[in-house]
Amino acid sequence: MSKKWLKVALMVTAIATGTSIQVDAETVLYVPQDDRPVSLQYTVDTAKAAGMTVLTPPQNLISGKTYMRGVPMLWY
């Protein structure tokens, strides 16, 4: 089994059994589904309040309510 599938299997098992996973990260890369406050700003504000540094894609690559931006560009 590849390492990727092992990580996925462990994560699914942890979620299914209600086990919490502790992550000690100071910097997080967060890719929101779109630019709505609940998807972007509230999440970023909450993580910053917890003492984390949050990196997000440039605003011109994040989709909005009525438009789709550079989603394929996020993966390059």
PDB file of N, CA and C in Angstrom:
ATOM      1  N   MET A   1       0.858  -1.179   0.000  1.00  0.00           N
ATOM      2  CA  MET A   1       0.000   0.000   0.000  1.00  0.00           C
ATOM      3  C   MET A   1       0.897   1.232   0.000  1.00  0.00           C
ATOM      4  N   SER A   2       0.572   2.200  -0.828  1.00  0.00           N
ATOM      5  CA  SER A   2       1.395   3.404  -0.901  1.00  0.00           C
ATOM      6  C   SER A   2       1.203   4.253   0.358  1.00  0.00           C
ATOM      7  N   LYS A   3       2.158   5.139   0.603  1.00  0.00           N
ATOM      8  CA  LYS A   3       2.087   6.003   1.777  1.00  0.00           C
ATOM      9  C   LYS A   3       0.863   6.907   1.734  1.00  0.00           C
ATOM     10  N   LYS A   4       0.507   7.367   0.522  1.00  0.00           N
ATOM     11  CA  LYS A   4      -0.661   8.243   0.386  1.00  0.00           C
ATOM     12  C   LYS A   4      -1.927   7.521   0.843  1.00  0.00           C
ATOM     13  N   TRP A   5      -2.119   6.296   0.375  1.00  0.00           N
ATOM     14  CA  TRP A   5      -3.314   5.545   0.754  1.00  0.00           C
ATOM     15  C   TRP A   5      -3.304   5.189   2.237  1.00  0.00           C
ATOM     16  N   LEU A   6      -2.128   4.960   2.785  1.00  0.00           N
ATOM     17  CA  LEU A   6      -2.033   4.675   4.213  1.00  0.00           C
ATOM     18  C   LEU A   6      -2.465   5.890   5.029  1.00  0.00           C
ATOM     19  N   LYS A   7      -2.016   7.076   4.630  1.00  0.00           N
ATOM     20  CA  LYS A   7      -2.418   8.296   5.323  1.00  0.00           C
ATOM     21  C   LYS A   7      -3.922   8.513   5.230  1.00  0.00           C
ATOM     22  N   VAL A   8      -4.475   8.291   4.040  1.00  0.00           N
ATOM     23  CA  VAL A   8      -5.921   8.450   3.853  1.00  0.00           C
ATOM     24  C   VAL A   8      -6.681   7.449   4.722  1.00  0.00           C
ATOM     25  N   ALA A   9      -6.221   6.208   4.740  1.00  0.00           N
ATOM     26  CA  ALA A   9      -6.877   5.171   5.541  1.00  0.00           C
ATOM     27  C   ALA A   9      -6.833   5.517   7.024  1.00  0.00           C
ATOM     28  N   LEU A  10      -5.706   6.014   7.492  1.00  0.00           N
ATOM     29  CA  LEU A  10      -5.597   6.399   8.900  1.00  0.00           C
ATOM     30  C   LEU A  10      -6.519   7.568   9.231  1.00  0.00           C
ATOM     31  N   MET A  11      -6.586   8.541   8.339  1.00  0.00           N
ATOM     32  CA  MET A  11      -7.440   9.698   8.563  1.00  0.00           C
ATOM     33  C   MET A  11      -8.912   9.299   8.578  1.00  0.00           C
ATOM     34  N   VAL A  12      -9.322   8.464   7.627  1.00  0.00           N
ATOM     35  CA  VAL A  12     -10.716   8.004   7.570  1.00  0.00           C
ATOM     36  C   VAL A  12     -11.057   7.214   8.821  1.00  0.00           C
ATOM     37  N   THR A  13     -10.157   6.365   9.252  1.00  0.00           N
ATOM     38  CA  THR A  13     -10.386   5.580  10.462  1.00  0.00           C
ATOM     39  C   THR A  13     -10.523   6.487  11.678  1.00  0.00           C
ATOM     40  N   ALA A  14      -9.670   7.487  11.772  1.00  0.00           N
ATOM     41  CA  ALA A  14      -9.732   8.420  12.897  1.00  0.00           C
ATOM     42  C   ALA A  14     -11.050   9.185  12.905  1.00  0.00           C
ATOM     43  N   ILE A  15     -11.483   9.623  11.744  1.00  0.00           N
ATOM     44  CA  ILE A  15     -12.744  10.368  11.659  1.00  0.00           C
ATOM     45  C   ILE A  15     -13.923   9.458  11.984  1.00  0.00           C
ATOM     46  N   ALA A  16     -13.917   8.254  11.438  1.00  0.00           N
ATOM     47  CA  ALA A  16     -15.029   7.320  11.646  1.00  0.00           C
ATOM     48  C   ALA A  16     -15.157   6.901  13.105  1.00  0.00           C
ATOM     49  N   THR A  17     -14.046   6.819  13.810  1.00  0.00           N
ATOM     50  CA  THR A  17     -14.089   6.375  15.209  1.00  0.00           C
ATOM     51  C   THR A  17     -14.150   7.535  16.187  1.00  0.00           C
ATOM     52  N   GLY A  18     -14.121   8.753  15.683  1.00  0.00           N
ATOM     53  CA  GLY A  18     -14.204   9.919  16.559  1.00  0.00           C
ATOM     54  C   GLY A  18     -12.893  10.246  17.243  1.00  0.00           C
ATOM     55  N   THR A  19     -11.816   9.682  16.787  1.00  0.00           N
ATOM     56  CA  THR A  19     -10.507   9.959  17.360  1.00  0.00           C
ATOM     57  C   THR A  19     -10.040  11.327  16.900  1.00  0.00           C
ATOM     58  N   SER A  20      -9.517  12.106  17.826  1.00  0.00           N
ATOM     59  CA  SER A  20      -9.014  13.415  17.417  1.00  0.00           C
ATOM     60  C   SER A  20      -7.571  13.285  16.960  1.00  0.00           C
ATOM     61  N   ILE A  21      -7.211  14.134  16.033  1.00  0.00           N
ATOM     62  CA  ILE A  21      -5.858  14.152  15.505  1.00  0.00           C
ATOM     63  C   ILE A  21      -5.243  15.485  15.889  1.00  0.00           C
ATOM     64  N   GLN A  22      -4.154  15.444  16.630  1.00  0.00           N
ATOM     65  CA  GLN A  22      -3.495  16.675  17.039  1.00  0.00           C
ATOM     66  C   GLN A  22      -2.465  17.069  15.997  1.00  0.00           C
ATOM     67  N   VAL A  23      -2.537  18.317  15.597  1.00  0.00           N
ATOM     68  CA  VAL A  23      -1.592  18.833  14.612  1.00  0.00           C
ATOM     69  C   VAL A  23      -0.869  20.012  15.239  1.00  0.00           C
ATOM     70  N   ASP A  24       0.422  19.959  15.226  1.00  0.00           N
ATOM     71  CA  ASP A  24       1.215  21.053  15.777  1.00  0.00           C
ATOM     72  C   ASP A  24       1.839  21.834  14.626  1.00  0.00           C
ATOM     73  N   ALA A  25       1.039  22.666  14.010  1.00  0.00           N
ATOM     74  CA  ALA A  25       1.512  23.460  12.877  1.00  0.00           C
ATOM     75  C   ALA A  25       1.382  24.930  13.238  1.00  0.00           C
ATOM     76  N   GLU A  26       2.378  25.689  12.885  1.00  0.00           N
ATOM     77  CA  GLU A  26       2.316  27.124  13.106  1.00  0.00           C
ATOM     78  C   GLU A  26       1.835  27.852  11.860  1.00  0.00           C
ATOM     79  N   THR A  27       2.047  27.233  10.699  1.00  0.00           N
ATOM     80  CA  THR A  27       1.629  27.822   9.438  1.00  0.00           C
ATOM     81  C   THR A  27       0.757  26.819   8.690  1.00  0.00           C
ATOM     82  N   VAL A  28      -0.377  27.296   8.184  1.00  0.00           N
ATOM     83  CA  VAL A  28      -1.329  26.441   7.489  1.00  0.00           C
ATOM     84  C   VAL A  28      -1.622  27.029   6.120  1.00  0.00           C
ATOM     85  N   LEU A  29      -1.644  26.181   5.100  1.00  0.00           N
ATOM     86  CA  LEU A  29      -2.086  26.598   3.771  1.00  0.00           C
ATOM     87  C   LEU A  29      -3.564  26.245   3.677  1.00  0.00           C
ATOM     88  N   TYR A  30      -4.406  27.256   3.518  1.00  0.00           N
ATOM     89  CA  TYR A  30      -5.848  27.045   3.467  1.00  0.00           C
ATOM     90  C   TYR A  30      -6.359  27.461   2.090  1.00  0.00           C
ATOM     91  N   VAL A  31      -6.980  26.523   1.376  1.00  0.00           N
ATOM     92  CA  VAL A  31      -7.566  26.795   0.062  1.00  0.00           C
ATOM     93  C   VAL A  31      -9.085  26.736   0.233  1.00  0.00           C
ATOM     94  N   PRO A  32      -9.748  27.903   0.318  1.00  0.00           N
ATOM     95  CA  PRO A  32     -11.193  27.926   0.525  1.00  0.00           C
ATOM     96  C   PRO A  32     -11.952  27.524  -0.737  1.00  0.00           C
ATOM     97  N   GLN A  33     -13.181  27.088  -0.535  1.00  0.00           N
ATOM     98  CA  GLN A  33     -13.989  26.700  -1.697  1.00  0.00           C
ATOM     99  C   GLN A  33     -14.409  27.931  -2.496  1.00  0.00           C
ATOM    100  N   ASP A  34     -14.575  29.079  -1.849  1.00  0.00           N
ATOM    101  CA  ASP A  34     -14.890  30.328  -2.545  1.00  0.00           C
ATOM    102  C   ASP A  34     -14.615  31.492  -1.599  1.00  0.00           C
ATOM    103  N   ASP A  35     -14.991  32.711  -2.017  1.00  0.00           N
ATOM    104  CA  ASP A  35     -14.643  33.888  -1.225  1.00  0.00           C
ATOM    105  C   ASP A  35     -15.721  34.346  -0.249  1.00  0.00           C
ATOM    106  N   ARG A  36     -16.740  33.520  -0.013  1.00  0.00           N
ATOM    107  CA  ARG A  36     -17.750  33.886   0.980  1.00  0.00           C
ATOM    108  C   ARG A  36     -17.081  33.978   2.355  1.00  0.00           C
ATOM    109  N   PRO A  37     -17.542  34.903   3.199  1.00  0.00           N
ATOM    110  CA  PRO A  37     -16.913  35.049   4.523  1.00  0.00           C
ATOM    111  C   PRO A  37     -16.856  33.755   5.330  1.00  0.00           C
ATOM    112  N   VAL A  38     -17.897  32.947   5.260  1.00  0.00           N
ATOM    113  CA  VAL A  38     -17.901  31.706   6.032  1.00  0.00           C
ATOM    114  C   VAL A  38     -16.863  30.708   5.516  1.00  0.00           C
ATOM    115  N   SER A  39     -16.532  30.782   4.241  1.00  0.00           N
ATOM    116  CA  SER A  39     -15.537  29.886   3.668  1.00  0.00           C
ATOM    117  C   SER A  39     -14.122  30.422   3.811  1.00  0.00           C
ATOM    118  N   LEU A  40     -13.988  31.731   3.809  1.00  0.00           N
ATOM    119  CA  LEU A  40     -12.645  32.316   3.798  1.00  0.00           C
ATOM    120  C   LEU A  40     -12.347  33.094   5.072  1.00  0.00           C
ATOM    121  N   GLN A  41     -12.984  34.222   5.251  1.00  0.00           N
ATOM    122  CA  GLN A  41     -12.576  35.135   6.308  1.00  0.00           C
ATOM    123  C   GLN A  41     -12.787  34.591   7.720  1.00  0.00           C
ATOM    124  N   TYR A  42     -13.923  33.974   8.011  1.00  0.00           N
ATOM    125  CA  TYR A  42     -14.167  33.454   9.361  1.00  0.00           C
ATOM    126  C   TYR A  42     -13.148  32.376   9.713  1.00  0.00           C
ATOM    127  N   THR A  43     -12.843  31.516   8.747  1.00  0.00           N
ATOM    128  CA  THR A  43     -11.884  30.440   8.979  1.00  0.00           C
ATOM    129  C   THR A  43     -10.492  31.003   9.220  1.00  0.00           C
ATOM    130  N   VAL A  44     -10.091  31.960   8.403  1.00  0.00           N
ATOM    131  CA  VAL A  44      -8.770  32.579   8.560  1.00  0.00           C
ATOM    132  C   VAL A  44      -8.688  33.308   9.898  1.00  0.00           C
ATOM    133  N   ASP A  45      -9.722  34.061  10.257  1.00  0.00           N
ATOM    134  CA  ASP A  45      -9.728  34.789  11.524  1.00  0.00           C
ATOM    135  C   ASP A  45      -9.638  33.839  12.722  1.00  0.00           C
ATOM    136  N   THR A  46     -10.355  32.725  12.650  1.00  0.00           N
ATOM    137  CA  THR A  46     -10.333  31.751  13.739  1.00  0.00           C
ATOM    138  C   THR A  46      -8.945  31.126  13.898  1.00  0.00           C
ATOM    139  N   ALA A  47      -8.333  30.757  12.781  1.00  0.00           N
ATOM    140  CA  ALA A  47      -6.993  30.167  12.837  1.00  0.00           C
ATOM    141  C   ALA A  47      -5.977  31.174  13.355  1.00  0.00           C
ATOM    142  N   LYS A  48      -6.094  32.433  12.936  1.00  0.00           N
ATOM    143  CA  LYS A  48      -5.177  33.461  13.422  1.00  0.00           C
ATOM    144  C   LYS A  48      -5.363  33.699  14.918  1.00  0.00           C
ATOM    145  N   ALA A  49      -6.608  33.658  15.375  1.00  0.00           N
ATOM    146  CA  ALA A  49      -6.876  33.822  16.807  1.00  0.00           C
ATOM    147  C   ALA A  49      -6.268  32.681  17.622  1.00  0.00           C
ATOM    148  N   ALA A  50      -6.092  31.531  16.986  1.00  0.00           N
ATOM    149  CA  ALA A  50      -5.478  30.381  17.647  1.00  0.00           C
ATOM    150  C   ALA A  50      -3.956  30.436  17.565  1.00  0.00           C
ATOM    151  N   GLY A  51      -3.421  31.519  16.975  1.00  0.00           N
ATOM    152  CA  GLY A  51      -1.979  31.702  16.916  1.00  0.00           C
ATOM    153  C   GLY A  51      -1.304  31.128  15.690  1.00  0.00           C
ATOM    154  N   MET A  52      -2.074  30.788  14.685  1.00  0.00           N
ATOM    155  CA  MET A  52      -1.502  30.218  13.464  1.00  0.00           C
ATOM    156  C   MET A  52      -1.308  31.290  12.406  1.00  0.00           C
ATOM    157  N   THR A  53      -0.362  31.048  11.521  1.00  0.00           N
ATOM    158  CA  THR A  53      -0.187  31.862  10.330  1.00  0.00           C
ATOM    159  C   THR A  53      -0.925  31.149   9.211  1.00  0.00           C
ATOM    160  N   VAL A  54      -1.792  31.863   8.511  1.00  0.00           N
ATOM    161  CA  VAL A  54      -2.609  31.240   7.472  1.00  0.00           C
ATOM    162  C   VAL A  54      -2.225  31.807   6.115  1.00  0.00           C
ATOM    163  N   LEU A  55      -1.888  30.910   5.204  1.00  0.00           N
ATOM    164  CA  LEU A  55      -1.587  31.291   3.828  1.00  0.00           C
ATOM    165  C   LEU A  55      -2.773  30.898   2.960  1.00  0.00           C
ATOM    166  N   THR A  56      -3.225  31.812   2.099  1.00  0.00           N
ATOM    167  CA  THR A  56      -4.320  31.524   1.183  1.00  0.00           C
ATOM    168  C   THR A  56      -3.879  31.903  -0.232  1.00  0.00           C
ATOM    169  N   PRO A  57      -4.546  31.349  -1.229  1.00  0.00           N
ATOM    170  CA  PRO A  57      -4.219  31.735  -2.613  1.00  0.00           C
ATOM    171  C   PRO A  57      -4.538  33.214  -2.838  1.00  0.00           C
ATOM    172  N   PRO A  58      -3.946  33.820  -3.852  1.00  0.00           N
ATOM    173  CA  PRO A  58      -4.287  35.208  -4.178  1.00  0.00           C
ATOM    174  C   PRO A  58      -5.783  35.346  -4.483  1.00  0.00           C
ATOM    175  N   GLN A  59      -6.340  36.479  -4.135  1.00  0.00           N
ATOM    176  CA  GLN A  59      -7.782  36.717  -4.316  1.00  0.00           C
ATOM    177  C   GLN A  59      -8.227  36.499  -5.754  1.00  0.00           C
ATOM    178  N   ASN A  60      -7.368  36.790  -6.733  1.00  0.00           N
ATOM    179  CA  ASN A  60      -7.769  36.645  -8.131  1.00  0.00           C
ATOM    180  C   ASN A  60      -7.890  35.177  -8.558  1.00  0.00           C
ATOM    181  N   LEU A  61      -7.511  34.228  -7.709  1.00  0.00           N
ATOM    182  CA  LEU A  61      -7.662  32.807  -8.034  1.00  0.00           C
ATOM    183  C   LEU A  61      -8.807  32.138  -7.276  1.00  0.00           C
ATOM    184  N   ILE A  62      -9.445  32.876  -6.372  1.00  0.00           N
ATOM    185  CA  ILE A  62     -10.526  32.307  -5.555  1.00  0.00           C
ATOM    186  C   ILE A  62     -11.870  32.611  -6.215  1.00  0.00           C
ATOM    187  N   SER A  63     -12.695  31.593  -6.380  1.00  0.00           N
ATOM    188  CA  SER A  63     -14.019  31.757  -6.980  1.00  0.00           C
ATOM    189  C   SER A  63     -14.949  32.519  -6.045  1.00  0.00           C
ATOM    190  N   GLY A  64     -16.051  33.014  -6.614  1.00  0.00           N
ATOM    191  CA  GLY A  64     -17.056  33.724  -5.835  1.00  0.00           C
ATOM    192  C   GLY A  64     -18.424  33.095  -6.010  1.00  0.00           C
ATOM    193  N   LYS A  65     -19.434  33.774  -5.502  1.00  0.00           N
ATOM    194  CA  LYS A  65     -20.798  33.254  -5.553  1.00  0.00           C
ATOM    195  C   LYS A  65     -21.304  33.105  -6.989  1.00  0.00           C
ATOM    196  N   THR A  66     -20.958  34.052  -7.835  1.00  0.00           N
ATOM    197  CA  THR A  66     -21.503  34.040  -9.193  1.00  0.00           C
ATOM    198  C   THR A  66     -20.444  33.865 -10.280  1.00  0.00           C
ATOM    199  N   TYR A  67     -19.228  33.529  -9.904  1.00  0.00           N
ATOM    200  CA  TYR A  67     -18.178  33.370 -10.913  1.00  0.00           C
ATOM    201  C   TYR A  67     -17.154  32.333 -10.460  1.00  0.00           C
ATOM    202  N   MET A  68     -16.506  31.720 -11.438  1.00  0.00           N
ATOM    203  CA  MET A  68     -15.468  30.744 -11.163  1.00  0.00           C
ATOM    204  C   MET A  68     -14.146  31.301 -11.664  1.00  0.00           C
ATOM    205  N   ARG A  69     -13.199  31.333 -10.790  1.00  0.00           N
ATOM    206  CA  ARG A  69     -11.898  31.906 -11.154  1.00  0.00           C
ATOM    207  C   ARG A  69     -10.919  30.821 -11.557  1.00  0.00           C
ATOM    208  N   GLY A  70      -9.659  31.049 -11.298  1.00  0.00           N
ATOM    209  CA  GLY A  70      -8.569  30.203 -11.769  1.00  0.00           C
ATOM    210  C   GLY A  70      -8.362  28.916 -11.002  1.00  0.00           C
ATOM    211  N   VAL A  71      -9.416  28.123 -10.818  1.00  0.00           N
ATOM    212  CA  VAL A  71      -9.291  26.872 -10.065  1.00  0.00           C
ATOM    213  C   VAL A  71      -8.179  25.981 -10.600  1.00  0.00           C
ATOM    214  N   PRO A  72      -8.085  25.740 -11.918  1.00  0.00           N
ATOM    215  CA  PRO A  72      -6.986  24.903 -12.404  1.00  0.00           C
ATOM    216  C   PRO A  72      -5.609  25.493 -12.101  1.00  0.00           C
ATOM    217  N   MET A  73      -5.519  26.807 -12.019  1.00  0.00           N
ATOM    218  CA  MET A  73      -4.227  27.442 -11.751  1.00  0.00           C
ATOM    219  C   MET A  73      -3.744  27.184 -10.327  1.00  0.00           C
ATOM    220  N   LEU A  74      -4.645  26.848  -9.413  1.00  0.00           N
ATOM    221  CA  LEU A  74      -4.247  26.585  -8.032  1.00  0.00           C
ATOM    222  C   LEU A  74      -3.347  25.362  -7.924  1.00  0.00           C
ATOM    223  N   TRP A  75      -3.405  24.476  -8.879  1.00  0.00           N
ATOM    224  CA  TRP A  75      -2.655  23.213  -8.797  1.00  0.00           C
ATOM    225  C   TRP A  75      -1.322  23.276  -9.514  1.00  0.00           C
ATOM    226  N   TYR A  76      -0.940  24.430 -10.035  1.00  0.00           N
ATOM    227  CA  TYR A  76       0.344  24.547 -10.731  1.00  0.00           C
ATOM    228  C   TYR A  76       1.316  25.391  -9.968  1.00  0.00           C
TER     229      TYR A  76
END
